[in-house]
Structure formats: structure tokens, C-alpha cells
Amino acid sequence: MTDMIITNIEEVPGKTIIQHLGMVQGNTVRAKHAGRDIMAGFKNLVGGELKGYTELLTESREEATQRMIEQARSLGANAVLNVRFSTSSVTAGASELFVYGTAVVVK
């Protein structure tokens, strides 16, 4: 586990921001997997969750978040506030997952 506080709110209840270190971010670009596409095609016929894509997005969020945490740590932060996720299409079959927030030191 991490000792870094990660939150999507602008402050940490019970803590005081003592230093603002700026924006930090992490990202990953992932391509579709042919096997997942075939299974997704079948699911489109009958409906239901596309579990292969759910797993892909979960892995992507975790990887991007870890990169953001590493950047925040390198600045000396112990918290990242106002965290947001974004996605975008990079090319046909590949998407970027981007996470960003504000690195701070709280006490």
C-alpha cells in the first residue's frame, strides 16, 4: 500500500496544506487486444458487461495512478488532491488514460 493520500476533493479533512508543489500526472496508452475484441463482439449480440475491457481499464487506471504517485513522491509530496481521470483516443484501436492532480505536503 501507499502512504500517499490520494483524493478527488480539494483538501484533506483534519489536515493543513503546508506546501503546494504543483500539478502531477500519469498516463498510459493501451491498444485493444484481438481476443478481447472477439469476445466483446459476442457480448454485443447478447448484452452484458465487457469484462475484458473492464479489466483493461482497471489495469490502465492503476498504472497511470502509480505513475502520478511516483511523480508526486519525487517532488516531496505526501498527498495529491483534486485527482481527475481523462481518456482520449490516440489512434484507431488505442486509447490514453490520463490522471492528474495537485501535489501538496499536508500536516
PDB file of N, CA and C in Angstrom:
ATOM      1  N   MET A   1       0.830  -1.187   0.000  1.00  0.00           N
ATOM      2  CA  MET A   1       0.000   0.000   0.000  1.00  0.00           C
ATOM      3  C   MET A   1       0.875   1.251   0.000  1.00  0.00           C
ATOM      4  N   THR A   2       0.235   2.363  -0.262  1.00  0.00           N
ATOM      5  CA  THR A   2       0.961   3.624  -0.331  1.00  0.00           C
ATOM      6  C   THR A   2       0.660   4.490   0.894  1.00  0.00           C
ATOM      7  N   ASP A   3       1.623   5.302   1.297  1.00  0.00           N
ATOM      8  CA  ASP A   3       1.393   6.251   2.381  1.00  0.00           C
ATOM      9  C   ASP A   3       0.982   7.607   1.815  1.00  0.00           C
ATOM     10  N   MET A   4       0.796   7.669   0.516  1.00  0.00           N
ATOM     11  CA  MET A   4       0.380   8.881  -0.176  1.00  0.00           C
ATOM     12  C   MET A   4      -1.137   9.017  -0.067  1.00  0.00           C
ATOM     13  N   ILE A   5      -1.603  10.190   0.327  1.00  0.00           N
ATOM     14  CA  ILE A   5      -3.039  10.458   0.360  1.00  0.00           C
ATOM     15  C   ILE A   5      -3.459  10.870  -1.048  1.00  0.00           C
ATOM     16  N   ILE A   6      -4.442  10.179  -1.591  1.00  0.00           N
ATOM     17  CA  ILE A   6      -4.961  10.483  -2.926  1.00  0.00           C
ATOM     18  C   ILE A   6      -6.453  10.755  -2.765  1.00  0.00           C
ATOM     19  N   THR A   7      -6.895  11.924  -3.210  1.00  0.00           N
ATOM     20  CA  THR A   7      -8.307  12.266  -3.064  1.00  0.00           C
ATOM     21  C   THR A   7      -8.773  13.146  -4.218  1.00  0.00           C
ATOM     22  N   ASN A   8     -10.077  13.084  -4.482  1.00  0.00           N
ATOM     23  CA  ASN A   8     -10.621  13.930  -5.536  1.00  0.00           C
ATOM     24  C   ASN A   8     -11.241  15.211  -4.979  1.00  0.00           C
ATOM     25  N   ILE A   9     -11.036  15.477  -3.697  1.00  0.00           N
ATOM     26  CA  ILE A   9     -11.502  16.735  -3.120  1.00  0.00           C
ATOM     27  C   ILE A   9     -10.319  17.702  -2.994  1.00  0.00           C
ATOM     28  N   GLU A  10     -10.608  18.954  -2.667  1.00  0.00           N
ATOM     29  CA  GLU A  10      -9.586  19.997  -2.690  1.00  0.00           C
ATOM     30  C   GLU A  10      -8.779  20.132  -1.408  1.00  0.00           C
ATOM     31  N   GLU A  11      -9.147  19.387  -0.395  1.00  0.00           N
ATOM     32  CA  GLU A  11      -8.404  19.420   0.868  1.00  0.00           C
ATOM     33  C   GLU A  11      -8.594  18.083   1.559  1.00  0.00           C
ATOM     34  N   VAL A  12      -7.775  17.848   2.563  1.00  0.00           N
ATOM     35  CA  VAL A  12      -7.892  16.621   3.350  1.00  0.00           C
ATOM     36  C   VAL A  12      -8.447  17.027   4.707  1.00  0.00           C
ATOM     37  N   PRO A  13      -9.648  16.561   5.049  1.00  0.00           N
ATOM     38  CA  PRO A  13     -10.227  16.927   6.342  1.00  0.00           C
ATOM     39  C   PRO A  13      -9.283  16.585   7.491  1.00  0.00           C
ATOM     40  N   GLY A  14      -9.090  17.543   8.370  1.00  0.00           N
ATOM     41  CA  GLY A  14      -8.223  17.339   9.518  1.00  0.00           C
ATOM     42  C   GLY A  14      -6.753  17.596   9.238  1.00  0.00           C
ATOM     43  N   LYS A  15      -6.402  17.939   8.014  1.00  0.00           N
ATOM     44  CA  LYS A  15      -5.012  18.222   7.642  1.00  0.00           C
ATOM     45  C   LYS A  15      -4.910  19.651   7.123  1.00  0.00           C
ATOM     46  N   THR A  16      -3.714  20.196   7.224  1.00  0.00           N
ATOM     47  CA  THR A  16      -3.444  21.536   6.710  1.00  0.00           C
ATOM     48  C   THR A  16      -2.423  21.428   5.588  1.00  0.00           C
ATOM     49  N   ILE A  17      -2.703  22.093   4.483  1.00  0.00           N
ATOM     50  CA  ILE A  17      -1.740  22.133   3.373  1.00  0.00           C
ATOM     51  C   ILE A  17      -0.640  23.103   3.774  1.00  0.00           C
ATOM     52  N   ILE A  18       0.591  22.604   3.824  1.00  0.00           N
ATOM     53  CA  ILE A  18       1.702  23.476   4.212  1.00  0.00           C
ATOM     54  C   ILE A  18       2.604  23.823   3.033  1.00  0.00           C
ATOM     55  N   GLN A  19       2.462  23.070   1.924  1.00  0.00           N
ATOM     56  CA  GLN A  19       3.251  23.390   0.739  1.00  0.00           C
ATOM     57  C   GLN A  19       2.522  22.893  -0.502  1.00  0.00           C
ATOM     58  N   HIS A  20       2.462  23.750  -1.512  1.00  0.00           N
ATOM     59  CA  HIS A  20       1.854  23.430  -2.799  1.00  0.00           C
ATOM     60  C   HIS A  20       2.990  23.152  -3.780  1.00  0.00           C
ATOM     61  N   LEU A  21       2.996  21.968  -4.386  1.00  0.00           N
ATOM     62  CA  LEU A  21       4.109  21.579  -5.258  1.00  0.00           C
ATOM     63  C   LEU A  21       3.756  21.554  -6.742  1.00  0.00           C
ATOM     64  N   GLY A  22       2.514  21.797  -7.075  1.00  0.00           N
ATOM     65  CA  GLY A  22       2.111  21.869  -8.471  1.00  0.00           C
ATOM     66  C   GLY A  22       1.417  20.615  -8.977  1.00  0.00           C
ATOM     67  N   MET A  23       1.082  20.662 -10.251  1.00  0.00           N
ATOM     68  CA  MET A  23       0.360  19.561 -10.872  1.00  0.00           C
ATOM     69  C   MET A  23       1.271  18.363 -11.103  1.00  0.00           C
ATOM     70  N   VAL A  24       0.732  17.186 -10.872  1.00  0.00           N
ATOM     71  CA  VAL A  24       1.415  15.936 -11.199  1.00  0.00           C
ATOM     72  C   VAL A  24       0.470  15.117 -12.067  1.00  0.00           C
ATOM     73  N   GLN A  25       1.046  14.231 -12.862  1.00  0.00           N
ATOM     74  CA  GLN A  25       0.213  13.457 -13.771  1.00  0.00           C
ATOM     75  C   GLN A  25       0.846  12.113 -14.078  1.00  0.00           C
ATOM     76  N   GLY A  26       0.022  11.223 -14.551  1.00  0.00           N
ATOM     77  CA  GLY A  26       0.475   9.920 -15.005  1.00  0.00           C
ATOM     78  C   GLY A  26      -0.423   9.490 -16.139  1.00  0.00           C
ATOM     79  N   ASN A  27       0.119   8.715 -17.041  1.00  0.00           N
ATOM     80  CA  ASN A  27      -0.712   8.254 -18.145  1.00  0.00           C
ATOM     81  C   ASN A  27      -0.234   6.896 -18.642  1.00  0.00           C
ATOM     82  N   THR A  28      -1.063   6.280 -19.436  1.00  0.00           N
ATOM     83  CA  THR A  28      -0.713   5.057 -20.129  1.00  0.00           C
ATOM     84  C   THR A  28      -1.526   5.008 -21.408  1.00  0.00           C
ATOM     85  N   VAL A  29      -0.951   4.450 -22.444  1.00  0.00           N
ATOM     86  CA  VAL A  29      -1.653   4.268 -23.708  1.00  0.00           C
ATOM     87  C   VAL A  29      -1.767   2.768 -23.932  1.00  0.00           C
ATOM     88  N   ARG A  30      -2.969   2.316 -24.155  1.00  0.00           N
ATOM     89  CA  ARG A  30      -3.222   0.894 -24.329  1.00  0.00           C
ATOM     90  C   ARG A  30      -3.912   0.638 -25.666  1.00  0.00           C
ATOM     91  N   ALA A  31      -3.541  -0.454 -26.283  1.00  0.00           N
ATOM     92  CA  ALA A  31      -4.174  -0.889 -27.523  1.00  0.00           C
ATOM     93  C   ALA A  31      -5.160  -2.001 -27.222  1.00  0.00           C
ATOM     94  N   LYS A  32      -6.150  -2.122 -28.065  1.00  0.00           N
ATOM     95  CA  LYS A  32      -7.115  -3.208 -27.924  1.00  0.00           C
ATOM     96  C   LYS A  32      -6.427  -4.539 -28.164  1.00  0.00           C
ATOM     97  N   HIS A  33      -6.982  -5.559 -27.593  1.00  0.00           N
ATOM     98  CA  HIS A  33      -6.477  -6.919 -27.719  1.00  0.00           C
ATOM     99  C   HIS A  33      -7.442  -7.694 -28.619  1.00  0.00           C
ATOM    100  N   ALA A  34      -6.933  -8.374 -29.646  1.00  0.00           N
ATOM    101  CA  ALA A  34      -7.792  -9.074 -30.608  1.00  0.00           C
ATOM    102  C   ALA A  34      -8.737 -10.060 -29.922  1.00  0.00           C
ATOM    103  N   GLY A  35      -8.236 -10.792 -28.935  1.00  0.00           N
ATOM    104  CA  GLY A  35      -9.080 -11.745 -28.213  1.00  0.00           C
ATOM    105  C   GLY A  35     -10.210 -11.053 -27.477  1.00  0.00           C
ATOM    106  N   ARG A  36      -9.896  -9.916 -26.875  1.00  0.00           N
ATOM    107  CA  ARG A  36     -10.932  -9.158 -26.167  1.00  0.00           C
ATOM    108  C   ARG A  36     -11.958  -8.611 -27.161  1.00  0.00           C
ATOM    109  N   ASP A  37     -11.497  -8.198 -28.345  1.00  0.00           N
ATOM    110  CA  ASP A  37     -12.416  -7.679 -29.353  1.00  0.00           C
ATOM    111  C   ASP A  37     -13.394  -8.750 -29.813  1.00  0.00           C
ATOM    112  N   ILE A  38     -12.911  -9.965 -29.980  1.00  0.00           N
ATOM    113  CA  ILE A  38     -13.786 -11.060 -30.416  1.00  0.00           C
ATOM    114  C   ILE A  38     -14.842 -11.328 -29.352  1.00  0.00           C
ATOM    115  N   MET A  39     -14.406 -11.403 -28.091  1.00  0.00           N
ATOM    116  CA  MET A  39     -15.363 -11.648 -27.001  1.00  0.00           C
ATOM    117  C   MET A  39     -16.336 -10.479 -26.856  1.00  0.00           C
ATOM    118  N   ALA A  40     -15.863  -9.260 -27.066  1.00  0.00           N
ATOM    119  CA  ALA A  40     -16.742  -8.091 -26.989  1.00  0.00           C
ATOM    120  C   ALA A  40     -17.786  -8.147 -28.091  1.00  0.00           C
ATOM    121  N   GLY A  41     -17.382  -8.622 -29.249  1.00  0.00           N
ATOM    122  CA  GLY A  41     -18.334  -8.770 -30.347  1.00  0.00           C
ATOM    123  C   GLY A  41     -19.448  -9.734 -29.994  1.00  0.00           C
ATOM    124  N   PHE A  42     -19.113 -10.833 -29.350  1.00  0.00           N
ATOM    125  CA  PHE A  42     -20.133 -11.793 -28.904  1.00  0.00           C
ATOM    126  C   PHE A  42     -21.048 -11.166 -27.853  1.00  0.00           C
ATOM    127  N   LYS A  43     -20.459 -10.421 -26.924  1.00  0.00           N
ATOM    128  CA  LYS A  43     -21.249  -9.785 -25.862  1.00  0.00           C
ATOM    129  C   LYS A  43     -22.208  -8.757 -26.446  1.00  0.00           C
ATOM    130  N   ASN A  44     -21.805  -8.092 -27.545  1.00  0.00           N
ATOM    131  CA  ASN A  44     -22.693  -7.120 -28.173  1.00  0.00           C
ATOM    132  C   ASN A  44     -23.962  -7.776 -28.684  1.00  0.00           C
ATOM    133  N   LEU A  45     -23.887  -9.051 -29.018  1.00  0.00           N
ATOM    134  CA  LEU A  45     -25.060  -9.773 -29.505  1.00  0.00           C
ATOM    135  C   LEU A  45     -26.034 -10.098 -28.374  1.00  0.00           C
ATOM    136  N   VAL A  46     -25.509 -10.438 -27.217  1.00  0.00           N
ATOM    137  CA  VAL A  46     -26.371 -10.889 -26.121  1.00  0.00           C
ATOM    138  C   VAL A  46     -26.466  -9.876 -24.978  1.00  0.00           C
ATOM    139  N   GLY A  47     -25.607  -8.896 -24.961  1.00  0.00           N
ATOM    140  CA  GLY A  47     -25.613  -7.886 -23.898  1.00  0.00           C
ATOM    141  C   GLY A  47     -24.794  -8.319 -22.695  1.00  0.00           C
ATOM    142  N   GLY A  48     -24.521  -7.401 -21.826  1.00  0.00           N
ATOM    143  CA  GLY A  48     -23.765  -7.697 -20.616  1.00  0.00           C
ATOM    144  C   GLY A  48     -22.470  -6.927 -20.554  1.00  0.00           C
ATOM    145  N   GLU A  49     -21.792  -7.087 -19.444  1.00  0.00           N
ATOM    146  CA  GLU A  49     -20.521  -6.390 -19.202  1.00  0.00           C
ATOM    147  C   GLU A  49     -19.429  -6.937 -20.106  1.00  0.00           C
ATOM    148  N   LEU A  50     -18.616  -6.048 -20.625  1.00  0.00           N
ATOM    149  CA  LEU A  50     -17.445  -6.429 -21.419  1.00  0.00           C
ATOM    150  C   LEU A  50     -16.275  -6.557 -20.455  1.00  0.00           C
ATOM    151  N   LYS A  51     -16.176  -7.710 -19.800  1.00  0.00           N
ATOM    152  CA  LYS A  51     -15.212  -7.896 -18.703  1.00  0.00           C
ATOM    153  C   LYS A  51     -13.769  -7.708 -19.146  1.00  0.00           C
ATOM    154  N   GLY A  52     -13.433  -8.090 -20.374  1.00  0.00           N
ATOM    155  CA  GLY A  52     -12.071  -7.899 -20.862  1.00  0.00           C
ATOM    156  C   GLY A  52     -11.695  -6.426 -20.894  1.00  0.00           C
ATOM    157  N   TYR A  53     -12.638  -5.590 -21.318  1.00  0.00           N
ATOM    158  CA  TYR A  53     -12.375  -4.154 -21.356  1.00  0.00           C
ATOM    159  C   TYR A  53     -12.395  -3.549 -19.964  1.00  0.00           C
ATOM    160  N   THR A  54     -13.245  -4.053 -19.090  1.00  0.00           N
ATOM    161  CA  THR A  54     -13.264  -3.590 -17.702  1.00  0.00           C
ATOM    162  C   THR A  54     -11.909  -3.843 -17.055  1.00  0.00           C
ATOM    163  N   GLU A  55     -11.362  -5.043 -17.261  1.00  0.00           N
ATOM    164  CA  GLU A  55     -10.043  -5.377 -16.719  1.00  0.00           C
ATOM    165  C   GLU A  55      -8.967  -4.476 -17.311  1.00  0.00           C
ATOM    166  N   LEU A  56      -9.028  -4.229 -18.615  1.00  0.00           N
ATOM    167  CA  LEU A  56      -8.049  -3.369 -19.287  1.00  0.00           C
ATOM    168  C   LEU A  56      -8.078  -1.959 -18.703  1.00  0.00           C
ATOM    169  N   LEU A  57      -9.280  -1.414 -18.492  1.00  0.00           N
ATOM    170  CA  LEU A  57      -9.389  -0.065 -17.925  1.00  0.00           C
ATOM    171  C   LEU A  57      -8.930  -0.018 -16.472  1.00  0.00           C
ATOM    172  N   THR A  58      -9.234  -1.057 -15.711  1.00  0.00           N
ATOM    173  CA  THR A  58      -8.782  -1.112 -14.318  1.00  0.00           C
ATOM    174  C   THR A  58      -7.262  -1.125 -14.251  1.00  0.00           C
ATOM    175  N   GLU A  59      -6.631  -1.952 -15.066  1.00  0.00           N
ATOM    176  CA  GLU A  59      -5.168  -2.003 -15.120  1.00  0.00           C
ATOM    177  C   GLU A  59      -4.593  -0.658 -15.546  1.00  0.00           C
ATOM    178  N   SER A  60      -5.221  -0.026 -16.517  1.00  0.00           N
ATOM    179  CA  SER A  60      -4.748   1.271 -17.008  1.00  0.00           C
ATOM    180  C   SER A  60      -4.843   2.332 -15.932  1.00  0.00           C
ATOM    181  N   ARG A  61      -5.963   2.376 -15.206  1.00  0.00           N
ATOM    182  CA  ARG A  61      -6.115   3.354 -14.117  1.00  0.00           C
ATOM    183  C   ARG A  61      -5.060   3.144 -13.043  1.00  0.00           C
ATOM    184  N   GLU A  62      -4.824   1.889 -12.678  1.00  0.00           N
ATOM    185  CA  GLU A  62      -3.825   1.597 -11.648  1.00  0.00           C
ATOM    186  C   GLU A  62      -2.426   2.010 -12.094  1.00  0.00           C
ATOM    187  N   GLU A  63      -2.080   1.714 -13.342  1.00  0.00           N
ATOM    188  CA  GLU A  63      -0.752   2.065 -13.846  1.00  0.00           C
ATOM    189  C   GLU A  63      -0.568   3.586 -13.918  1.00  0.00           C
ATOM    190  N   ALA A  64      -1.554   4.288 -14.463  1.00  0.00           N
ATOM    191  CA  ALA A  64      -1.460   5.745 -14.568  1.00  0.00           C
ATOM    192  C   ALA A  64      -1.396   6.389 -13.185  1.00  0.00           C
ATOM    193  N   THR A  65      -2.198   5.888 -12.247  1.00  0.00           N
ATOM    194  CA  THR A  65      -2.196   6.426 -10.885  1.00  0.00           C
ATOM    195  C   THR A  65      -0.848   6.203 -10.217  1.00  0.00           C
ATOM    196  N   GLN A  66      -0.272   5.035 -10.395  1.00  0.00           N
ATOM    197  CA  GLN A  66       1.042   4.756  -9.807  1.00  0.00           C
ATOM    198  C   GLN A  66       2.097   5.705 -10.369  1.00  0.00           C
ATOM    199  N   ARG A  67       2.028   6.012 -11.655  1.00  0.00           N
ATOM    200  CA  ARG A  67       2.983   6.953 -12.256  1.00  0.00           C
ATOM    201  C   ARG A  67       2.804   8.347 -11.676  1.00  0.00           C
ATOM    202  N   MET A  68       1.551   8.748 -11.445  1.00  0.00           N
ATOM    203  CA  MET A  68       1.296  10.055 -10.841  1.00  0.00           C
ATOM    204  C   MET A  68       1.855  10.095  -9.420  1.00  0.00           C
ATOM    205  N   ILE A  69       1.647   9.023  -8.655  1.00  0.00           N
ATOM    206  CA  ILE A  69       2.160   8.947  -7.286  1.00  0.00           C
ATOM    207  C   ILE A  69       3.681   9.040  -7.276  1.00  0.00           C
ATOM    208  N   GLU A  70       4.336   8.341  -8.188  1.00  0.00           N
ATOM    209  CA  GLU A  70       5.798   8.394  -8.268  1.00  0.00           C
ATOM    210  C   GLU A  70       6.283   9.810  -8.546  1.00  0.00           C
ATOM    211  N   GLN A  71       5.597  10.519  -9.437  1.00  0.00           N
ATOM    212  CA  GLN A  71       5.987  11.896  -9.729  1.00  0.00           C
ATOM    213  C   GLN A  71       5.783  12.778  -8.493  1.00  0.00           C
ATOM    214  N   ALA A  72       4.666  12.596  -7.792  1.00  0.00           N
ATOM    215  CA  ALA A  72       4.399  13.386  -6.586  1.00  0.00           C
ATOM    216  C   ALA A  72       5.457  13.118  -5.517  1.00  0.00           C
ATOM    217  N   ARG A  73       5.808  11.858  -5.342  1.00  0.00           N
ATOM    218  CA  ARG A  73       6.848  11.496  -4.355  1.00  0.00           C
ATOM    219  C   ARG A  73       8.174  12.158  -4.693  1.00  0.00           C
ATOM    220  N   SER A  74       8.509  12.176  -5.987  1.00  0.00           N
ATOM    221  CA  SER A  74       9.792  12.766  -6.392  1.00  0.00           C
ATOM    222  C   SER A  74       9.855  14.260  -6.081  1.00  0.00           C
ATOM    223  N   LEU A  75       8.688  14.899  -5.949  1.00  0.00           N
ATOM    224  CA  LEU A  75       8.632  16.319  -5.585  1.00  0.00           C
ATOM    225  C   LEU A  75       8.616  16.528  -4.073  1.00  0.00           C
ATOM    226  N   GLY A  76       8.448  15.431  -3.320  1.00  0.00           N
ATOM    227  CA  GLY A  76       8.388  15.527  -1.867  1.00  0.00           C
ATOM    228  C   GLY A  76       6.981  15.612  -1.304  1.00  0.00           C
ATOM    229  N   ALA A  77       5.982  15.327  -2.125  1.00  0.00           N
ATOM    230  CA  ALA A  77       4.589  15.409  -1.685  1.00  0.00           C
ATOM    231  C   ALA A  77       4.220  14.206  -0.819  1.00  0.00           C
ATOM    232  N   ASN A  78       3.229  14.412   0.037  1.00  0.00           N
ATOM    233  CA  ASN A  78       2.650  13.285   0.758  1.00  0.00           C
ATOM    234  C   ASN A  78       1.146  13.175   0.494  1.00  0.00           C
ATOM    235  N   ALA A  79       0.658  14.009  -0.452  1.00  0.00           N
ATOM    236  CA  ALA A  79      -0.751  13.948  -0.847  1.00  0.00           C
ATOM    237  C   ALA A  79      -0.920  14.495  -2.263  1.00  0.00           C
ATOM    238  N   VAL A  80      -1.925  13.974  -2.947  1.00  0.00           N
ATOM    239  CA  VAL A  80      -2.330  14.514  -4.248  1.00  0.00           C
ATOM    240  C   VAL A  80      -3.822  14.787  -4.155  1.00  0.00           C
ATOM    241  N   LEU A  81      -4.183  16.043  -4.360  1.00  0.00           N
ATOM    242  CA  LEU A  81      -5.566  16.493  -4.213  1.00  0.00           C
ATOM    243  C   LEU A  81      -6.214  16.751  -5.562  1.00  0.00           C
ATOM    244  N   ASN A  82      -7.538  16.789  -5.531  1.00  0.00           N
ATOM    245  CA  ASN A  82      -8.335  17.149  -6.712  1.00  0.00           C
ATOM    246  C   ASN A  82      -7.999  16.246  -7.915  1.00  0.00           C
ATOM    247  N   VAL A  83      -7.863  14.948  -7.672  1.00  0.00           N
ATOM    248  CA  VAL A  83      -7.467  13.988  -8.702  1.00  0.00           C
ATOM    249  C   VAL A  83      -8.605  13.777  -9.697  1.00  0.00           C
ATOM    250  N   ARG A  84      -8.251  13.781 -10.976  1.00  0.00           N
ATOM    251  CA  ARG A  84      -9.208  13.579 -12.062  1.00  0.00           C
ATOM    252  C   ARG A  84      -8.630  12.596 -13.080  1.00  0.00           C
ATOM    253  N   PHE A  85      -9.526  11.855 -13.726  1.00  0.00           N
ATOM    254  CA  PHE A  85      -9.155  10.935 -14.801  1.00  0.00           C
ATOM    255  C   PHE A  85      -9.735  11.434 -16.106  1.00  0.00           C
ATOM    256  N   SER A  86      -9.017  11.155 -17.181  1.00  0.00           N
ATOM    257  CA  SER A  86      -9.473  11.520 -18.511  1.00  0.00           C
ATOM    258  C   SER A  86      -9.033  10.433 -19.488  1.00  0.00           C
ATOM    259  N   THR A  87      -9.793  10.251 -20.535  1.00  0.00           N
ATOM    260  CA  THR A  87      -9.403   9.308 -21.580  1.00  0.00           C
ATOM    261  C   THR A  87      -9.481  10.012 -22.920  1.00  0.00           C
ATOM    262  N   SER A  88      -8.691   9.521 -23.854  1.00  0.00           N
ATOM    263  CA  SER A  88      -8.753  10.048 -25.213  1.00  0.00           C
ATOM    264  C   SER A  88      -8.295   8.976 -26.182  1.00  0.00           C
ATOM    265  N   SER A  89      -8.777   9.084 -27.397  1.00  0.00           N
ATOM    266  CA  SER A  89      -8.373   8.161 -28.445  1.00  0.00           C
ATOM    267  C   SER A  89      -7.081   8.675 -29.071  1.00  0.00           C
ATOM    268  N   VAL A  90      -6.078   7.818 -29.145  1.00  0.00           N
ATOM    269  CA  VAL A  90      -4.789   8.212 -29.700  1.00  0.00           C
ATOM    270  C   VAL A  90      -4.740   7.869 -31.187  1.00  0.00           C
ATOM    271  N   THR A  91      -5.187   6.670 -31.493  1.00  0.00           N
ATOM    272  CA  THR A  91      -5.248   6.190 -32.868  1.00  0.00           C
ATOM    273  C   THR A  91      -6.292   5.089 -32.906  1.00  0.00           C
ATOM    274  N   ALA A  92      -6.633   4.612 -34.065  1.00  0.00           N
ATOM    275  CA  ALA A  92      -7.620   3.539 -34.154  1.00  0.00           C
ATOM    276  C   ALA A  92      -7.148   2.348 -33.329  1.00  0.00           C
ATOM    277  N   GLY A  93      -7.936   1.974 -32.338  1.00  0.00           N
ATOM    278  CA  GLY A  93      -7.604   0.812 -31.525  1.00  0.00           C
ATOM    279  C   GLY A  93      -6.725   1.088 -30.321  1.00  0.00           C
ATOM    280  N   ALA A  94      -6.341   2.356 -30.091  1.00  0.00           N
ATOM    281  CA  ALA A  94      -5.501   2.671 -28.934  1.00  0.00           C
ATOM    282  C   ALA A  94      -6.051   3.915 -28.236  1.00  0.00           C
ATOM    283  N   SER A  95      -6.042   3.863 -26.900  1.00  0.00           N
ATOM    284  CA  SER A  95      -6.545   4.978 -26.098  1.00  0.00           C
ATOM    285  C   SER A  95      -5.577   5.302 -24.980  1.00  0.00           C
ATOM    286  N   GLU A  96      -5.613   6.565 -24.582  1.00  0.00           N
ATOM    287  CA  GLU A  96      -4.801   7.018 -23.455  1.00  0.00           C
ATOM    288  C   GLU A  96      -5.701   7.185 -22.241  1.00  0.00           C
ATOM    289  N   LEU A  97      -5.211   6.758 -21.107  1.00  0.00           N
ATOM    290  CA  LEU A  97      -5.850   7.048 -19.833  1.00  0.00           C
ATOM    291  C   LEU A  97      -4.899   7.973 -19.091  1.00  0.00           C
ATOM    292  N   PHE A  98      -5.403   9.120 -18.677  1.00  0.00           N
ATOM    293  CA  PHE A  98      -4.603  10.184 -18.086  1.00  0.00           C
ATOM    294  C   PHE A  98      -5.185  10.516 -16.727  1.00  0.00           C
ATOM    295  N   VAL A  99      -4.332  10.636 -15.709  1.00  0.00           N
ATOM    296  CA  VAL A  99      -4.761  11.031 -14.374  1.00  0.00           C
ATOM    297  C   VAL A  99      -3.895  12.214 -13.929  1.00  0.00           C
ATOM    298  N   TYR A 100      -4.518  13.177 -13.257  1.00  0.00           N
ATOM    299  CA  TYR A 100      -3.749  14.336 -12.819  1.00  0.00           C
ATOM    300  C   TYR A 100      -4.346  14.884 -11.523  1.00  0.00           C
ATOM    301  N   GLY A 101      -3.521  15.611 -10.812  1.00  0.00           N
ATOM    302  CA  GLY A 101      -3.949  16.218  -9.562  1.00  0.00           C
ATOM    303  C   GLY A 101      -2.903  17.218  -9.092  1.00  0.00           C
ATOM    304  N   THR A 102      -3.122  17.732  -7.901  1.00  0.00           N
ATOM    305  CA  THR A 102      -2.217  18.723  -7.328  1.00  0.00           C
ATOM    306  C   THR A 102      -1.423  18.100  -6.191  1.00  0.00           C
ATOM    307  N   ALA A 103      -0.107  18.110  -6.346  1.00  0.00           N
ATOM    308  CA  ALA A 103       0.780  17.564  -5.317  1.00  0.00           C
ATOM    309  C   ALA A 103       0.968  18.590  -4.211  1.00  0.00           C
ATOM    310  N   VAL A 104       0.818  18.135  -2.969  1.00  0.00           N
ATOM    311  CA  VAL A 104       0.954  19.014  -1.813  1.00  0.00           C
ATOM    312  C   VAL A 104       1.633  18.261  -0.681  1.00  0.00           C
ATOM    313  N   VAL A 105       2.068  19.038   0.304  1.00  0.00           N
ATOM    314  CA  VAL A 105       2.522  18.465   1.570  1.00  0.00           C
ATOM    315  C   VAL A 105       1.473  18.880   2.590  1.00  0.00           C
ATOM    316  N   VAL A 106       0.946  17.902   3.299  1.00  0.00           N
ATOM    317  CA  VAL A 106      -0.041  18.189   4.347  1.00  0.00           C
ATOM    318  C   VAL A 106       0.510  17.770   5.693  1.00  0.00           C
ATOM    319  N   LYS A 107      -0.007  18.434   6.720  1.00  0.00           N
ATOM    320  CA  LYS A 107       0.437  18.121   8.091  1.00  0.00           C
ATOM    321  C   LYS A 107      -0.785  17.969   8.953  1.00  0.00           C
TER     322      LYS A 107
END
